[in-house]
Amino acid sequence: MSPKKVERFFATLQAANPHPETELVYSNPFELLAAVLLSAQATDVGVNKATGPLFKVASTPAQMLALGEEGLMGYIKTIGLYKTKAKHLIETCRILVERHGGEIPRDREALEALPGVGRKTANVVLNVAFGEPTMAVDTHIFRVANRTGLAPGKTPLAVELSLLKRVPKAYRVHAHHWLILHGRYVCQARKPRCGACQVADCCDYPDKTTAI
């Protein structure tokens, strides 16, 4: 995708959705971190159903730590891999309380040192909670970046680094949300909805469909 097409691609997505937001429901940086940690191999809808009741009783690391693993599992047992996630989240809460005063660090290295928090989760927290221009490359972004020719790469990290180079500065803060939503609802995995795509004229995908 040429630089001119990249500019038009994001300008079009911005015009359609000027202020994109995560579909995870949260009210503070800790809840966001917990929700993203729980969302691995799960849908945002499924996570929100579980975290709604959970966050009413535990909206801080200290409160969640007080629940313990067993108590936490009672709230998240509908989410895949809930036992492992409960273990990671409780240990993360312990570290946040003991090392960070119960606050979420605004530092990639500190975030990635938390159990269950990888680069993608750290990028989401840095972007959504703190407004950093990061690219959290999930399966949707990886697919869209490669399929459209926007930022091809063989690994999520390669795509992330390519996006940081190719996405114009003015669009970087919101870019990962636009790409996730585009991949989730339009540029879908099995059959992209090219007939309903607002940026089809920017896309280099050779096998466009007529699906709406």
C-alpha atoms as a PDB file:
ATOM      1  CA  MET A   1       0.000   0.000   0.000  1.00  0.00           C
ATOM      2  CA  SER A   2       1.477   3.329  -1.050  1.00  0.00           C
ATOM      3  CA  PRO A   3       1.888   6.187   1.452  1.00  0.00           C
ATOM      4  CA  LYS A   4      -0.937   8.097  -0.277  1.00  0.00           C
ATOM      5  CA  LYS A   5      -3.235   5.113   0.099  1.00  0.00           C
ATOM      6  CA  VAL A   6      -2.212   4.683   3.752  1.00  0.00           C
ATOM      7  CA  GLU A   7      -3.156   8.304   4.410  1.00  0.00           C
ATOM      8  CA  ARG A   8      -6.519   7.872   2.669  1.00  0.00           C
ATOM      9  CA  PHE A   9      -7.102   4.559   4.448  1.00  0.00           C
ATOM     10  CA  PHE A  10      -6.845   6.107   7.913  1.00  0.00           C
ATOM     11  CA  ALA A  11      -8.509   9.390   6.978  1.00  0.00           C
ATOM     12  CA  THR A  12     -11.532   7.377   5.830  1.00  0.00           C
ATOM     13  CA  LEU A  13     -11.649   5.262   8.984  1.00  0.00           C
ATOM     14  CA  GLN A  14     -11.276   8.393  11.123  1.00  0.00           C
ATOM     15  CA  ALA A  15     -14.123  10.160   9.324  1.00  0.00           C
ATOM     16  CA  ALA A  16     -16.406   7.169   9.931  1.00  0.00           C
ATOM     17  CA  ASN A  17     -15.408   6.768  13.602  1.00  0.00           C
ATOM     18  CA  PRO A  18     -13.533   9.805  14.994  1.00  0.00           C
ATOM     19  CA  HIS A  19     -13.197   8.475  18.544  1.00  0.00           C
ATOM     20  CA  PRO A  20     -12.883   4.665  18.485  1.00  0.00           C
ATOM     21  CA  GLU A  21     -12.881   2.846  21.804  1.00  0.00           C
ATOM     22  CA  THR A  22     -12.171  -0.642  23.084  1.00  0.00           C
ATOM     23  CA  GLU A  23     -15.243  -2.851  23.407  1.00  0.00           C
ATOM     24  CA  LEU A  24     -14.042  -4.038  26.805  1.00  0.00           C
ATOM     25  CA  VAL A  25     -15.943  -2.347  29.660  1.00  0.00           C
ATOM     26  CA  TYR A  26     -13.761  -0.770  32.363  1.00  0.00           C
ATOM     27  CA  SER A  27     -13.681   2.310  34.598  1.00  0.00           C
ATOM     28  CA  ASN A  28     -10.010   2.618  35.584  1.00  0.00           C
ATOM     29  CA  PRO A  29      -6.564   1.464  34.362  1.00  0.00           C
ATOM     30  CA  PHE A  30      -6.544  -1.573  36.661  1.00  0.00           C
ATOM     31  CA  GLU A  31      -9.901  -2.806  35.380  1.00  0.00           C
ATOM     32  CA  LEU A  32      -8.612  -2.345  31.824  1.00  0.00           C
ATOM     33  CA  LEU A  33      -5.484  -4.371  32.595  1.00  0.00           C
ATOM     34  CA  ALA A  34      -7.556  -7.133  34.207  1.00  0.00           C
ATOM     35  CA  ALA A  35     -10.034  -7.229  31.315  1.00  0.00           C
ATOM     36  CA  VAL A  36      -7.300  -7.426  28.672  1.00  0.00           C
ATOM     37  CA  LEU A  37      -5.491 -10.160  30.609  1.00  0.00           C
ATOM     38  CA  LEU A  38      -8.744 -12.139  30.778  1.00  0.00           C
ATOM     39  CA  SER A  39      -9.526 -11.567  27.092  1.00  0.00           C
ATOM     40  CA  ALA A  40      -6.825 -13.875  25.709  1.00  0.00           C
ATOM     41  CA  GLN A  41      -8.569 -16.517  23.566  1.00  0.00           C
ATOM     42  CA  ALA A  42     -11.937 -15.104  24.641  1.00  0.00           C
ATOM     43  CA  THR A  43     -14.418 -12.617  23.204  1.00  0.00           C
ATOM     44  CA  ASP A  44     -14.863  -9.118  24.577  1.00  0.00           C
ATOM     45  CA  VAL A  45     -18.566  -9.890  25.071  1.00  0.00           C
ATOM     46  CA  GLY A  46     -17.740 -12.943  27.177  1.00  0.00           C
ATOM     47  CA  VAL A  47     -15.192 -11.016  29.239  1.00  0.00           C
ATOM     48  CA  ASN A  48     -17.623  -8.154  29.869  1.00  0.00           C
ATOM     49  CA  LYS A  49     -20.282 -10.574  31.145  1.00  0.00           C
ATOM     50  CA  ALA A  50     -17.823 -11.887  33.713  1.00  0.00           C
ATOM     51  CA  THR A  51     -16.162  -8.630  34.715  1.00  0.00           C
ATOM     52  CA  GLY A  52     -19.429  -6.729  35.219  1.00  0.00           C
ATOM     53  CA  PRO A  53     -20.171  -8.485  38.540  1.00  0.00           C
ATOM     54  CA  LEU A  54     -16.450  -8.880  39.341  1.00  0.00           C
ATOM     55  CA  PHE A  55     -15.572  -5.195  39.122  1.00  0.00           C
ATOM     56  CA  LYS A  56     -18.482  -4.299  41.420  1.00  0.00           C
ATOM     57  CA  VAL A  57     -16.657  -6.080  44.256  1.00  0.00           C
ATOM     58  CA  ALA A  58     -13.029  -5.761  43.112  1.00  0.00           C
ATOM     59  CA  SER A  59     -12.050  -2.645  41.163  1.00  0.00           C
ATOM     60  CA  THR A  60      -8.535  -2.295  42.637  1.00  0.00           C
ATOM     61  CA  PRO A  61      -5.559  -4.657  42.926  1.00  0.00           C
ATOM     62  CA  ALA A  62      -5.964  -4.829  46.714  1.00  0.00           C
ATOM     63  CA  GLN A  63      -9.646  -5.745  46.495  1.00  0.00           C
ATOM     64  CA  MET A  64      -8.995  -8.435  43.896  1.00  0.00           C
ATOM     65  CA  LEU A  65      -6.063  -9.803  45.857  1.00  0.00           C
ATOM     66  CA  ALA A  66      -8.387 -10.152  48.845  1.00  0.00           C
ATOM     67  CA  LEU A  67     -10.671 -12.401  46.770  1.00  0.00           C
ATOM     68  CA  GLY A  68      -7.893 -14.942  46.300  1.00  0.00           C
ATOM     69  CA  GLU A  69      -7.675 -17.384  43.404  1.00  0.00           C
ATOM     70  CA  GLU A  70     -10.722 -19.412  44.441  1.00  0.00           C
ATOM     71  CA  GLY A  71     -12.856 -16.329  44.915  1.00  0.00           C
ATOM     72  CA  LEU A  72     -11.766 -14.881  41.581  1.00  0.00           C
ATOM     73  CA  MET A  73     -12.439 -18.139  39.741  1.00  0.00           C
ATOM     74  CA  GLY A  74     -16.046 -17.994  40.861  1.00  0.00           C
ATOM     75  CA  TYR A  75     -16.489 -14.836  38.791  1.00  0.00           C
ATOM     76  CA  ILE A  76     -14.506 -15.805  35.684  1.00  0.00           C
ATOM     77  CA  LYS A  77     -15.233 -19.526  35.268  1.00  0.00           C
ATOM     78  CA  THR A  78     -17.199 -18.818  32.058  1.00  0.00           C
ATOM     79  CA  ILE A  79     -13.985 -17.521  30.428  1.00  0.00           C
ATOM     80  CA  GLY A  80     -11.584 -19.923  28.735  1.00  0.00           C
ATOM     81  CA  LEU A  81      -8.419 -20.857  30.649  1.00  0.00           C
ATOM     82  CA  TYR A  82      -9.948 -19.287  33.766  1.00  0.00           C
ATOM     83  CA  LYS A  83      -7.798 -21.209  36.251  1.00  0.00           C
ATOM     84  CA  THR A  84      -4.527 -20.044  34.697  1.00  0.00           C
ATOM     85  CA  LYS A  85      -5.868 -16.529  34.263  1.00  0.00           C
ATOM     86  CA  ALA A  86      -6.990 -16.396  37.904  1.00  0.00           C
ATOM     87  CA  LYS A  87      -3.521 -17.448  39.041  1.00  0.00           C
ATOM     88  CA  HIS A  88      -1.840 -14.831  36.847  1.00  0.00           C
ATOM     89  CA  LEU A  89      -4.236 -12.048  37.780  1.00  0.00           C
ATOM     90  CA  ILE A  90      -3.942 -12.634  41.530  1.00  0.00           C
ATOM     91  CA  GLU A  91      -0.143 -12.691  41.298  1.00  0.00           C
ATOM     92  CA  THR A  92      -0.252  -9.539  39.168  1.00  0.00           C
ATOM     93  CA  CYS A  93      -2.363  -7.863  41.865  1.00  0.00           C
ATOM     94  CA  ARG A  94       0.175  -8.904  44.498  1.00  0.00           C
ATOM     95  CA  ILE A  95       3.027  -7.311  42.536  1.00  0.00           C
ATOM     96  CA  LEU A  96       1.010  -4.152  41.877  1.00  0.00           C
ATOM     97  CA  VAL A  97       0.277  -3.771  45.594  1.00  0.00           C
ATOM     98  CA  GLU A  98       3.768  -4.648  46.823  1.00  0.00           C
ATOM     99  CA  ARG A  99       5.907  -2.913  44.180  1.00  0.00           C
ATOM    100  CA  HIS A 100       3.750  -0.208  42.626  1.00  0.00           C
ATOM    101  CA  GLY A 101       1.553   1.053  45.438  1.00  0.00           C
ATOM    102  CA  GLY A 102      -1.533  -0.406  43.795  1.00  0.00           C
ATOM    103  CA  GLU A 103      -1.037   1.736  40.683  1.00  0.00           C
ATOM    104  CA  ILE A 104      -0.656   0.568  37.085  1.00  0.00           C
ATOM    105  CA  PRO A 105       2.872   1.405  35.862  1.00  0.00           C
ATOM    106  CA  ARG A 106       3.171   3.543  32.751  1.00  0.00           C
ATOM    107  CA  ASP A 107       6.207   1.606  31.649  1.00  0.00           C
ATOM    108  CA  ARG A 108       6.388  -1.250  29.152  1.00  0.00           C
ATOM    109  CA  GLU A 109       9.100  -3.177  30.991  1.00  0.00           C
ATOM    110  CA  ALA A 110       7.204  -3.019  34.293  1.00  0.00           C
ATOM    111  CA  LEU A 111       3.957  -4.047  32.616  1.00  0.00           C
ATOM    112  CA  GLU A 112       5.529  -6.992  30.807  1.00  0.00           C
ATOM    113  CA  ALA A 113       7.027  -8.162  34.106  1.00  0.00           C
ATOM    114  CA  LEU A 114       3.499  -8.843  35.397  1.00  0.00           C
ATOM    115  CA  PRO A 115       2.303 -12.478  35.160  1.00  0.00           C
ATOM    116  CA  GLY A 116       0.086 -13.067  32.136  1.00  0.00           C
ATOM    117  CA  VAL A 117       0.936  -9.682  30.617  1.00  0.00           C
ATOM    118  CA  GLY A 118       2.698  -9.905  27.274  1.00  0.00           C
ATOM    119  CA  ARG A 119       3.638  -7.259  24.743  1.00  0.00           C
ATOM    120  CA  LYS A 120       0.143  -7.038  23.252  1.00  0.00           C
ATOM    121  CA  THR A 121      -1.533  -6.504  26.641  1.00  0.00           C
ATOM    122  CA  ALA A 122       1.089  -3.940  27.624  1.00  0.00           C
ATOM    123  CA  ASN A 123       0.480  -2.087  24.361  1.00  0.00           C
ATOM    124  CA  VAL A 124      -3.278  -1.996  24.968  1.00  0.00           C
ATOM    125  CA  VAL A 125      -2.810  -0.561  28.467  1.00  0.00           C
ATOM    126  CA  LEU A 126      -0.258   2.008  27.323  1.00  0.00           C
ATOM    127  CA  ASN A 127      -2.523   3.076  24.466  1.00  0.00           C
ATOM    128  CA  VAL A 128      -5.986   3.012  26.026  1.00  0.00           C
ATOM    129  CA  ALA A 129      -5.174   4.019  29.612  1.00  0.00           C
ATOM    130  CA  PHE A 130      -2.320   6.428  28.932  1.00  0.00           C
ATOM    131  CA  GLY A 131      -2.758   7.598  25.330  1.00  0.00           C
ATOM    132  CA  GLU A 132       0.557   6.236  24.068  1.00  0.00           C
ATOM    133  CA  PRO A 133       0.729   5.685  20.262  1.00  0.00           C
ATOM    134  CA  THR A 134       1.300   1.927  20.503  1.00  0.00           C
ATOM    135  CA  MET A 135       0.090  -0.879  18.233  1.00  0.00           C
ATOM    136  CA  ALA A 136      -1.394  -3.890  20.023  1.00  0.00           C
ATOM    137  CA  VAL A 137      -1.268  -6.495  17.252  1.00  0.00           C
ATOM    138  CA  ASP A 138      -3.938  -9.154  17.745  1.00  0.00           C
ATOM    139  CA  THR A 139      -5.204 -11.649  15.156  1.00  0.00           C
ATOM    140  CA  HIS A 140      -7.457  -9.014  13.553  1.00  0.00           C
ATOM    141  CA  ILE A 141      -4.708  -6.438  13.110  1.00  0.00           C
ATOM    142  CA  PHE A 142      -2.239  -9.073  11.915  1.00  0.00           C
ATOM    143  CA  ARG A 143      -4.728 -10.211   9.263  1.00  0.00           C
ATOM    144  CA  VAL A 144      -5.732  -6.706   8.116  1.00  0.00           C
ATOM    145  CA  ALA A 145      -2.139  -5.460   7.958  1.00  0.00           C
ATOM    146  CA  ASN A 146      -1.090  -8.401   5.789  1.00  0.00           C
ATOM    147  CA  ARG A 147      -4.216  -8.812   3.659  1.00  0.00           C
ATOM    148  CA  THR A 148      -4.498  -5.143   2.686  1.00  0.00           C
ATOM    149  CA  GLY A 149      -0.776  -4.592   2.168  1.00  0.00           C
ATOM    150  CA  LEU A 150      -0.810  -1.916   4.863  1.00  0.00           C
ATOM    151  CA  ALA A 151       2.047  -3.382   6.899  1.00  0.00           C
ATOM    152  CA  PRO A 152       2.954  -6.941   5.900  1.00  0.00           C
ATOM    153  CA  GLY A 153       4.941  -9.028   8.373  1.00  0.00           C
ATOM    154  CA  LYS A 154       5.474 -12.661   9.298  1.00  0.00           C
ATOM    155  CA  THR A 155       5.140 -12.111  13.057  1.00  0.00           C
ATOM    156  CA  PRO A 156       3.029  -9.830  15.282  1.00  0.00           C
ATOM    157  CA  LEU A 157       6.171  -7.928  16.289  1.00  0.00           C
ATOM    158  CA  ALA A 158       7.169  -7.395  12.652  1.00  0.00           C
ATOM    159  CA  VAL A 159       3.681  -6.058  11.886  1.00  0.00           C
ATOM    160  CA  GLU A 160       3.773  -3.814  14.972  1.00  0.00           C
ATOM    161  CA  LEU A 161       7.110  -2.274  14.013  1.00  0.00           C
ATOM    162  CA  SER A 162       5.983  -1.834  10.416  1.00  0.00           C
ATOM    163  CA  LEU A 163       2.769  -0.107  11.503  1.00  0.00           C
ATOM    164  CA  LEU A 164       4.705   2.297  13.709  1.00  0.00           C
ATOM    165  CA  LYS A 165       6.722   3.289  10.647  1.00  0.00           C
ATOM    166  CA  ARG A 166       3.887   3.405   8.117  1.00  0.00           C
ATOM    167  CA  VAL A 167       0.944   4.892  10.019  1.00  0.00           C
ATOM    168  CA  PRO A 168       1.031   8.715   9.828  1.00  0.00           C
ATOM    169  CA  LYS A 169       1.631  10.305  13.208  1.00  0.00           C
ATOM    170  CA  ALA A 170      -1.773  11.990  13.282  1.00  0.00           C
ATOM    171  CA  TYR A 171      -3.512   8.587  13.297  1.00  0.00           C
ATOM    172  CA  ARG A 172      -1.256   6.524  15.575  1.00  0.00           C
ATOM    173  CA  VAL A 173      -3.115   6.893  18.875  1.00  0.00           C
ATOM    174  CA  HIS A 174      -6.359   5.480  17.442  1.00  0.00           C
ATOM    175  CA  ALA A 175      -4.940   3.281  14.665  1.00  0.00           C
ATOM    176  CA  HIS A 176      -5.011  -0.018  16.529  1.00  0.00           C
ATOM    177  CA  HIS A 177      -8.689   0.453  17.441  1.00  0.00           C
ATOM    178  CA  TRP A 178      -9.663   1.260  13.859  1.00  0.00           C
ATOM    179  CA  LEU A 179      -7.800  -1.807  12.627  1.00  0.00           C
ATOM    180  CA  ILE A 180      -9.279  -4.141  15.252  1.00  0.00           C
ATOM    181  CA  LEU A 181     -12.830  -2.980  14.538  1.00  0.00           C
ATOM    182  CA  HIS A 182     -12.224  -3.182  10.786  1.00  0.00           C
ATOM    183  CA  GLY A 183     -10.937  -6.738  11.119  1.00  0.00           C
ATOM    184  CA  ARG A 184     -13.701  -7.786  13.498  1.00  0.00           C
ATOM    185  CA  TYR A 185     -16.637  -6.475  11.479  1.00  0.00           C
ATOM    186  CA  VAL A 186     -15.544  -5.923   7.870  1.00  0.00           C
ATOM    187  CA  CYS A 187     -12.232  -7.538   6.908  1.00  0.00           C
ATOM    188  CA  GLN A 188     -13.215 -10.825   8.512  1.00  0.00           C
ATOM    189  CA  ALA A 189     -11.099 -13.954   8.497  1.00  0.00           C
ATOM    190  CA  ARG A 190     -13.186 -16.438   6.525  1.00  0.00           C
ATOM    191  CA  LYS A 191     -14.754 -14.053   4.033  1.00  0.00           C
ATOM    192  CA  PRO A 192     -13.949 -10.341   3.993  1.00  0.00           C
ATOM    193  CA  ARG A 193     -16.959  -8.095   3.415  1.00  0.00           C
ATOM    194  CA  CYS A 194     -15.307  -6.153   0.596  1.00  0.00           C
ATOM    195  CA  GLY A 195     -18.666  -4.963  -0.749  1.00  0.00           C
ATOM    196  CA  ALA A 196     -19.253  -3.091   2.519  1.00  0.00           C
ATOM    197  CA  CYS A 197     -15.686  -1.856   2.936  1.00  0.00           C
ATOM    198  CA  GLN A 198     -15.129   1.900   2.974  1.00  0.00           C
ATOM    199  CA  VAL A 199     -11.417   1.512   2.258  1.00  0.00           C
ATOM    200  CA  ALA A 200     -11.565  -1.149  -0.473  1.00  0.00           C
ATOM    201  CA  ASP A 201     -10.065   1.281  -2.982  1.00  0.00           C
ATOM    202  CA  CYS A 202      -6.940   1.567  -0.799  1.00  0.00           C
ATOM    203  CA  CYS A 203      -6.535  -2.176  -0.335  1.00  0.00           C
ATOM    204  CA  ASP A 204      -4.109  -4.352  -2.299  1.00  0.00           C
ATOM    205  CA  TYR A 205      -5.958  -7.636  -1.602  1.00  0.00           C
ATOM    206  CA  PRO A 206      -6.283  -9.330  -5.027  1.00  0.00           C
ATOM    207  CA  ASP A 207      -9.231 -11.601  -4.235  1.00  0.00           C
ATOM    208  CA  LYS A 208     -11.866  -9.047  -3.219  1.00  0.00           C
ATOM    209  CA  THR A 209     -15.355 -10.402  -2.606  1.00  0.00           C
ATOM    210  CA  THR A 210     -18.737  -8.854  -3.243  1.00  0.00           C
ATOM    211  CA  ALA A 211     -19.932  -9.745   0.264  1.00  0.00           C
ATOM    212  CA  ILE A 212     -21.802  -7.044   2.129  1.00  0.00           C
END
